[in-house]
Amino acid sequence: MNLVNLLRQDFGRSRDFGRSSHPTLKLRTGKPNRHNYMNIKLNKITIIKLLLAMLAVVIFAIVLRGYLESSKNYPIGDAIMAKIADQLEFGPRYVGADGHSKVVAYISQTLTDSQIQVVNQVWVDSSGKTLNNIIGRINPDSPRRFLLGTHYDSKDRADNDKQDTSLPVPGANDSASGTALLLELAKDIKNDFRFNELGIDVVFFDAEEFEPGPYDNWQAKGSTYFAQNIDSLYPSGKPELAIVPDLVCDKDLRFYKEGLSQKNAQGDVDMMWRIGQMADGKAFSNKINSEIKDDHTALVKVGVPSILLIDLEYPYFHTSQDTLDKCSSKSLETAYSTIKSFLLAKTSAK
């Protein structure tokens, strides 16, 4: 007996009950009636069957929703994920490693393939190491300029590792995710006519992880050097805003409003979070976190309002388990779409 017939029988019985007194009253006032007992028994069976059928529908809906959610396509996120995998193939990418020189060549070639002007900011650090900030300039003649920045070097020691702190950090999330995100974003912005009037500099900072020393005295070497020489790159005025994505691929993505960003660019932070919450309300929390030292720190010091987009709840931070399997195409696409939509809104603002 199918669900439709059961409903029809129940509907019919309910109309019969409306015309006569309740069967339980008859049983109390008259002779025991086996037929009425049977009706009550059948009604209970029918109700149970209906409840089971409804439960089955609910379970099916939950399973279907989960399947549809898991089977969604994230083509942009997948493309960014592929760029993370490319970098991981180079091995450790800390300053002095073979992988470091390989990732420098990879970033430069990828920007060139996207027909983006490449500027190398090379200097010799006090340690004697040659370092290189790689700058991709989109619409270099535009007077309005925005900066997108991230570090591309990985960490040489997994100091948060529970097993072996001497191992290098693979850096799938911490370094490769931000680099891959900006390479994909730069390519797409370059080919999007809506950004023709907006100048965007995509900066890949070197040596953010290099010889950090005590945290109190730590500074990111690449972004610090960039900030100290900013006037030579921007003789007509500094960028209106910098956005620094760092650790953006965690499967359980969570961005809090970073303290220094909130202090120096509150209006833009709030705007970005509103846009981000439309993409993924769970990923963008309105909670304000404490100030964090990162590549945006030196930029703020020289007068460039900056937003740090970072997920500090990533459990594999500075461990040897920071690998590709911890990354999510959905999270990468969320970060990508939020930054691109934010920049697009800024193009319309003036």
Protein backbone atom coordinates (compact mmCIF):
# COMPACT_ATOMS: atom_id res chain seq x y z
CA MET A 1 0.00 0.00 0.00
CA ASN A 2 1.59 3.30 -1.07
CA LEU A 3 1.66 6.63 0.74
CA VAL A 4 -1.07 8.20 -1.45
CA ASN A 5 -3.56 5.38 -0.69
CA LEU A 6 -2.75 5.60 3.02
CA LEU A 7 -3.46 9.32 2.94
CA ARG A 8 -6.73 8.76 1.09
CA GLN A 9 -7.86 6.14 3.66
CA ASP A 10 -6.94 8.42 6.54
CA PHE A 11 -8.73 11.36 4.96
CA GLY A 12 -11.81 9.23 4.50
CA ARG A 13 -11.75 8.05 8.09
CA SER A 14 -11.29 11.59 9.37
CA ARG A 15 -14.48 12.63 7.56
CA ASP A 16 -16.33 9.69 9.08
CA PHE A 17 -15.16 10.68 12.55
CA GLY A 18 -16.53 14.17 11.91
CA ARG A 19 -20.07 12.77 11.28
CA SER A 20 -20.27 10.47 14.29
CA SER A 21 -19.17 10.39 17.88
CA HIS A 22 -15.60 9.41 18.73
CA PRO A 23 -15.16 5.61 18.73
CA THR A 24 -13.56 5.62 22.17
CA LEU A 25 -16.76 7.21 23.59
CA LYS A 26 -18.85 4.44 22.08
CA LEU A 27 -16.68 1.85 23.72
CA ARG A 28 -17.12 3.48 27.09
CA THR A 29 -20.90 3.88 26.90
CA GLY A 30 -21.94 0.85 24.88
CA LYS A 31 -21.03 -2.77 24.42
CA PRO A 32 -17.45 -3.64 23.54
CA ASN A 33 -17.23 -3.54 19.78
CA ARG A 34 -14.52 -5.55 18.10
CA HIS A 35 -14.94 -3.57 14.86
CA ASN A 36 -14.19 -0.30 16.66
CA TYR A 37 -11.10 -1.83 18.29
CA MET A 38 -9.90 -2.89 14.87
CA ASN A 39 -10.44 0.63 13.50
CA ILE A 40 -8.35 2.08 16.31
CA LYS A 41 -5.63 -0.50 15.72
CA LEU A 42 -5.61 0.19 12.00
CA ASN A 43 -5.46 3.95 12.63
CA LYS A 44 -2.39 3.49 14.85
CA ILE A 45 -0.72 1.33 12.20
CA THR A 46 -1.53 3.94 9.54
CA ILE A 47 -0.10 6.76 11.66
CA ILE A 48 3.07 4.78 12.33
CA LYS A 49 3.46 4.10 8.62
CA LEU A 50 2.94 7.77 7.83
CA LEU A 51 5.51 8.82 10.41
CA LEU A 52 8.01 6.30 9.06
CA ALA A 53 7.38 7.52 5.52
CA MET A 54 7.87 11.13 6.60
CA LEU A 55 11.06 10.19 8.45
CA ALA A 56 12.35 8.46 5.33
CA VAL A 57 11.67 11.61 3.28
CA VAL A 58 13.52 13.77 5.81
CA ILE A 59 16.52 11.41 5.88
CA PHE A 60 16.58 11.32 2.08
CA ALA A 61 16.50 15.14 1.93
CA ILE A 62 19.41 15.40 4.38
CA VAL A 63 21.46 12.85 2.46
CA LEU A 64 20.64 14.53 -0.86
CA ARG A 65 21.62 17.95 0.47
CA GLY A 66 24.92 16.58 1.71
CA TYR A 67 25.58 14.90 -1.62
CA LEU A 68 24.77 18.04 -3.61
CA GLU A 69 26.97 20.13 -1.32
CA SER A 70 29.89 17.73 -1.65
CA SER A 71 29.48 17.42 -5.41
CA LYS A 72 29.47 21.16 -6.12
CA ASN A 73 32.06 22.26 -8.60
CA TYR A 74 34.58 24.93 -7.67
CA PRO A 75 36.49 25.43 -10.93
CA ILE A 76 38.37 28.51 -9.74
CA GLY A 77 39.20 26.83 -6.45
CA ASP A 78 40.42 23.78 -8.36
CA ALA A 79 42.66 25.97 -10.53
CA ILE A 80 44.15 27.58 -7.42
CA MET A 81 44.59 24.16 -5.84
CA ALA A 82 46.57 23.05 -8.90
CA LYS A 83 48.91 26.01 -8.42
CA ILE A 84 49.45 24.95 -4.79
CA ALA A 85 50.35 21.47 -6.01
CA ASP A 86 52.80 22.98 -8.50
CA GLN A 87 54.68 24.74 -5.70
CA LEU A 88 54.75 21.69 -3.45
CA GLU A 89 56.49 19.74 -6.22
CA PHE A 90 59.49 22.05 -5.75
CA GLY A 91 59.96 20.74 -2.22
CA PRO A 92 60.83 23.06 0.69
CA ARG A 93 60.90 26.71 -0.42
CA TYR A 94 62.73 28.39 2.43
CA VAL A 95 65.52 30.86 1.65
CA GLY A 96 68.57 28.93 0.46
CA ALA A 97 66.68 25.76 -0.57
CA ASP A 98 66.58 24.59 -4.19
CA GLY A 99 62.81 24.91 -4.09
CA HIS A 100 63.11 28.60 -3.29
CA SER A 101 64.82 29.45 -6.59
CA LYS A 102 62.36 27.20 -8.42
CA VAL A 103 59.32 28.95 -6.99
CA VAL A 104 60.81 32.35 -7.88
CA ALA A 105 61.10 31.21 -11.51
CA TYR A 106 57.57 29.72 -11.36
CA ILE A 107 55.95 32.93 -10.10
CA SER A 108 57.78 35.09 -12.65
CA GLN A 109 56.89 32.76 -15.54
CA THR A 110 53.25 32.48 -14.49
CA LEU A 111 52.89 36.26 -14.37
CA THR A 112 54.63 36.58 -17.75
CA ASP A 113 52.31 33.95 -19.25
CA SER A 114 49.39 36.07 -18.01
CA GLN A 115 50.89 39.08 -19.87
CA ILE A 116 51.55 40.91 -16.63
CA GLN A 117 54.58 43.18 -16.29
CA VAL A 118 57.12 41.70 -13.87
CA VAL A 119 59.47 43.76 -11.68
CA ASN A 120 62.08 42.03 -9.50
CA GLN A 121 63.11 43.86 -6.37
CA VAL A 122 66.44 42.19 -5.53
CA TRP A 123 68.72 42.99 -2.60
CA VAL A 124 71.32 41.34 -0.39
CA ASP A 125 70.13 40.85 3.17
CA SER A 126 72.33 41.47 6.23
CA SER A 127 72.72 37.68 6.43
CA GLY A 128 74.41 37.73 3.03
CA LYS A 129 71.47 36.03 1.31
CA THR A 130 70.13 37.44 -1.95
CA LEU A 131 66.39 38.03 -1.61
CA ASN A 132 63.78 38.89 -4.22
CA ASN A 133 60.34 40.48 -4.03
CA ILE A 134 58.44 39.72 -7.25
CA ILE A 135 55.98 42.41 -8.36
CA GLY A 136 53.35 41.93 -11.04
CA ARG A 137 52.00 45.26 -12.27
CA ILE A 138 48.52 45.36 -13.83
CA ASN A 139 47.59 48.58 -15.64
CA PRO A 140 50.88 50.20 -14.56
CA ASP A 141 49.90 53.63 -15.92
CA SER A 142 46.72 53.91 -13.87
CA PRO A 143 46.99 56.57 -11.13
CA ARG A 144 44.71 54.60 -8.77
CA ARG A 145 46.67 51.72 -7.30
CA PHE A 146 45.85 48.84 -5.00
CA LEU A 147 48.28 46.27 -3.64
CA LEU A 148 47.73 42.54 -3.22
CA GLY A 149 50.54 40.88 -1.30
CA THR A 150 51.56 37.55 0.18
CA HIS A 151 54.78 35.69 1.02
CA TYR A 152 56.01 32.82 -1.12
CA ASP A 153 58.79 31.36 1.05
CA SER A 154 58.09 28.41 3.35
CA LYS A 155 59.44 27.72 6.82
CA ASP A 156 62.58 25.62 7.27
CA ARG A 157 61.61 24.11 10.65
CA ALA A 158 58.27 22.73 11.80
CA ASP A 159 58.51 24.27 15.26
CA ASN A 160 54.90 23.31 16.13
CA ASP A 161 55.35 19.69 15.09
CA LYS A 162 54.65 17.10 17.79
CA GLN A 163 56.90 14.48 16.19
CA ASP A 164 59.98 16.19 14.73
CA THR A 165 60.56 19.94 14.84
CA SER A 166 63.62 19.66 12.58
CA LEU A 167 61.50 18.82 9.52
CA PRO A 168 60.73 21.57 6.98
CA VAL A 169 57.14 22.81 6.64
CA PRO A 170 55.62 21.82 3.27
CA GLY A 171 53.64 25.07 3.37
CA ALA A 172 50.55 24.08 1.39
CA ASN A 173 48.49 26.60 3.34
CA ASP A 174 51.23 28.75 4.87
CA SER A 175 52.84 30.31 1.73
CA ALA A 176 51.57 28.25 -1.24
CA SER A 177 47.86 29.02 -0.80
CA GLY A 178 48.28 32.82 -0.79
CA THR A 179 50.73 32.65 -3.70
CA ALA A 180 48.44 30.42 -5.77
CA LEU A 181 45.42 32.60 -4.97
CA LEU A 182 47.13 35.80 -6.13
CA LEU A 183 48.52 34.19 -9.29
CA GLU A 184 45.03 33.08 -10.31
CA LEU A 185 43.46 36.37 -9.28
CA ALA A 186 46.07 38.40 -11.18
CA LYS A 187 45.46 36.39 -14.36
CA ASP A 188 41.70 36.87 -14.18
CA ILE A 189 41.85 40.57 -13.30
CA LYS A 190 44.23 41.18 -16.21
CA ASN A 191 41.65 39.66 -18.58
CA ASP A 192 38.62 41.40 -17.06
CA PHE A 193 37.77 44.70 -18.78
CA ARG A 194 35.96 45.92 -15.65
CA PHE A 195 39.39 46.48 -14.05
CA ASN A 196 40.87 48.42 -16.97
CA GLU A 197 40.98 51.69 -15.01
CA LEU A 198 42.33 50.21 -11.78
CA GLY A 199 46.04 49.75 -11.19
CA ILE A 200 46.85 46.64 -9.18
CA ASP A 201 50.27 45.54 -8.00
CA VAL A 202 50.51 41.89 -7.00
CA VAL A 203 53.53 41.52 -4.73
CA PHE A 204 55.07 38.19 -3.73
CA PHE A 205 57.21 38.92 -0.68
CA ASP A 206 60.37 36.97 0.03
CA ALA A 207 61.69 35.89 3.44
CA GLU A 208 58.63 36.24 5.63
CA GLU A 209 59.71 33.03 7.36
CA PHE A 210 63.48 33.66 7.19
CA GLU A 211 65.36 33.79 10.52
CA PRO A 212 62.46 35.23 12.48
CA GLY A 213 64.26 35.19 15.85
CA PRO A 214 62.30 36.16 18.98
CA TYR A 215 58.73 37.15 18.08
CA ASP A 216 58.98 40.50 19.86
CA ASN A 217 61.77 41.55 17.47
CA TRP A 218 60.48 39.70 14.43
CA GLN A 219 59.79 41.45 11.17
CA ALA A 220 58.95 40.08 7.75
CA LYS A 221 62.05 40.83 5.70
CA GLY A 222 60.50 41.04 2.22
CA SER A 223 57.59 43.32 3.06
CA THR A 224 59.81 45.45 5.32
CA TYR A 225 62.27 46.06 2.47
CA PHE A 226 59.39 46.78 0.10
CA ALA A 227 57.90 49.31 2.53
CA GLN A 228 61.24 51.02 3.11
CA ASN A 229 61.60 51.56 -0.64
CA ILE A 230 57.97 52.25 -1.45
CA ASP A 231 58.52 55.80 -2.72
CA SER A 232 60.71 54.56 -5.57
CA LEU A 233 57.86 52.35 -6.77
CA TYR A 234 55.11 54.91 -6.19
CA PRO A 235 56.54 58.39 -6.87
CA SER A 236 53.05 59.85 -7.39
CA GLY A 237 51.48 58.47 -4.23
CA LYS A 238 51.16 55.28 -2.23
CA PRO A 239 48.53 52.59 -2.94
CA GLU A 240 45.05 53.31 -1.64
CA LEU A 241 44.85 49.96 0.10
CA ALA A 242 46.74 46.68 0.51
CA ILE A 243 45.14 43.25 0.93
CA VAL A 244 47.31 40.45 2.30
CA PRO A 245 45.85 36.90 2.11
CA ASP A 246 47.72 34.33 4.20
CA LEU A 247 46.58 30.78 5.09
CA VAL A 248 43.42 30.74 3.00
CA CYS A 249 42.82 27.08 2.05
CA ASP A 250 41.81 25.37 5.30
CA LYS A 251 38.78 23.08 4.90
CA ASP A 252 37.26 24.63 8.01
CA LEU A 253 37.91 28.21 6.94
CA ARG A 254 37.53 30.95 9.55
CA PHE A 255 38.50 34.60 9.12
CA TYR A 256 38.32 37.00 12.06
CA LYS A 257 38.80 40.74 11.73
CA GLU A 258 42.47 41.22 12.57
CA GLY A 259 43.18 43.98 15.11
CA LEU A 260 45.63 46.14 13.16
CA SER A 261 43.50 45.89 9.99
CA GLN A 262 40.44 46.96 11.94
CA LYS A 263 42.35 49.87 13.45
CA ASN A 264 43.77 51.29 10.21
CA ALA A 265 41.13 50.32 7.60
CA GLN A 266 37.90 49.64 9.49
CA GLY A 267 35.53 50.77 6.75
CA ASP A 268 37.20 48.55 4.16
CA VAL A 269 37.41 45.62 6.58
CA ASP A 270 33.68 45.87 7.27
CA MET A 271 32.95 46.10 3.55
CA MET A 272 35.08 43.05 2.76
CA TRP A 273 33.44 41.04 5.54
CA ARG A 274 29.95 41.88 4.28
CA ILE A 275 30.97 40.65 0.83
CA GLY A 276 32.63 37.57 2.31
CA GLN A 277 29.59 36.68 4.38
CA MET A 278 27.51 36.59 1.21
CA ALA A 279 29.96 34.05 -0.20
CA ASP A 280 30.24 31.98 3.00
CA GLY A 281 28.69 33.29 6.20
CA LYS A 282 30.46 30.68 8.30
CA ALA A 283 33.94 31.61 7.04
CA PHE A 284 33.74 35.33 7.88
CA SER A 285 33.21 36.07 11.56
CA ASN A 286 32.59 39.59 12.87
CA LYS A 287 34.74 38.82 15.91
CA ILE A 288 37.73 41.17 16.19
CA ASN A 289 40.99 39.34 16.86
CA SER A 290 44.18 40.73 18.39
CA GLU A 291 46.86 42.41 16.28
CA ILE A 292 49.08 40.01 14.35
CA LYS A 293 52.52 40.68 12.90
CA ASP A 294 52.51 39.78 9.22
CA ASP A 295 53.38 41.29 5.84
CA HIS A 296 50.79 44.04 6.33
CA THR A 297 52.60 45.38 9.42
CA ALA A 298 55.39 47.18 7.53
CA LEU A 299 52.89 48.56 4.99
CA VAL A 300 50.74 50.12 7.70
CA LYS A 301 53.83 51.72 9.22
CA VAL A 302 54.54 53.63 6.00
CA GLY A 303 50.96 54.79 5.59
CA VAL A 304 49.33 52.14 3.39
CA PRO A 305 45.97 51.07 4.89
CA SER A 306 46.04 47.28 4.89
CA ILE A 307 43.77 44.28 5.46
CA LEU A 308 45.18 40.96 6.61
CA LEU A 309 42.98 38.02 5.58
CA ILE A 310 44.24 35.10 7.66
CA ASP A 311 42.86 31.91 9.21
CA LEU A 312 44.72 31.46 12.49
CA GLU A 313 42.69 28.42 13.56
CA TYR A 314 44.51 26.19 11.08
CA PRO A 315 45.62 23.21 13.21
CA TYR A 316 48.64 22.32 11.04
CA PHE A 317 50.31 25.74 11.23
CA HIS A 318 54.12 25.42 11.26
CA THR A 319 54.00 21.62 11.24
CA SER A 320 55.13 18.99 8.75
CA GLN A 321 51.43 18.18 8.21
CA ASP A 322 50.72 21.41 6.31
CA THR A 323 50.05 19.43 3.13
CA LEU A 324 47.75 19.58 0.09
CA ASP A 325 45.14 17.23 1.56
CA LYS A 326 44.37 19.84 4.23
CA CYS A 327 43.27 22.34 1.56
CA SER A 328 39.80 22.94 0.12
CA SER A 329 38.81 24.21 -3.32
CA LYS A 330 35.68 25.70 -1.78
CA SER A 331 37.69 27.73 0.74
CA LEU A 332 40.06 28.97 -1.97
CA GLU A 333 37.17 30.02 -4.17
CA THR A 334 35.55 31.80 -1.22
CA ALA A 335 38.71 33.86 -0.62
CA TYR A 336 39.14 34.50 -4.36
CA SER A 337 35.55 35.66 -4.96
CA THR A 338 35.57 37.87 -1.86
CA ILE A 339 38.73 39.73 -2.84
CA LYS A 340 37.73 40.07 -6.49
CA SER A 341 34.21 41.29 -5.63
CA PHE A 342 35.67 43.74 -3.13
CA LEU A 343 38.07 45.18 -5.75
CA LEU A 344 35.27 45.37 -8.27
CA ALA A 345 33.21 47.37 -5.78
CA LYS A 346 36.17 49.71 -5.28
CA THR A 347 36.41 50.33 -9.03
CA SER A 348 32.83 51.58 -8.94
CA ALA A 349 33.38 53.70 -5.84
CA LYS A 350 35.27 56.49 -7.64
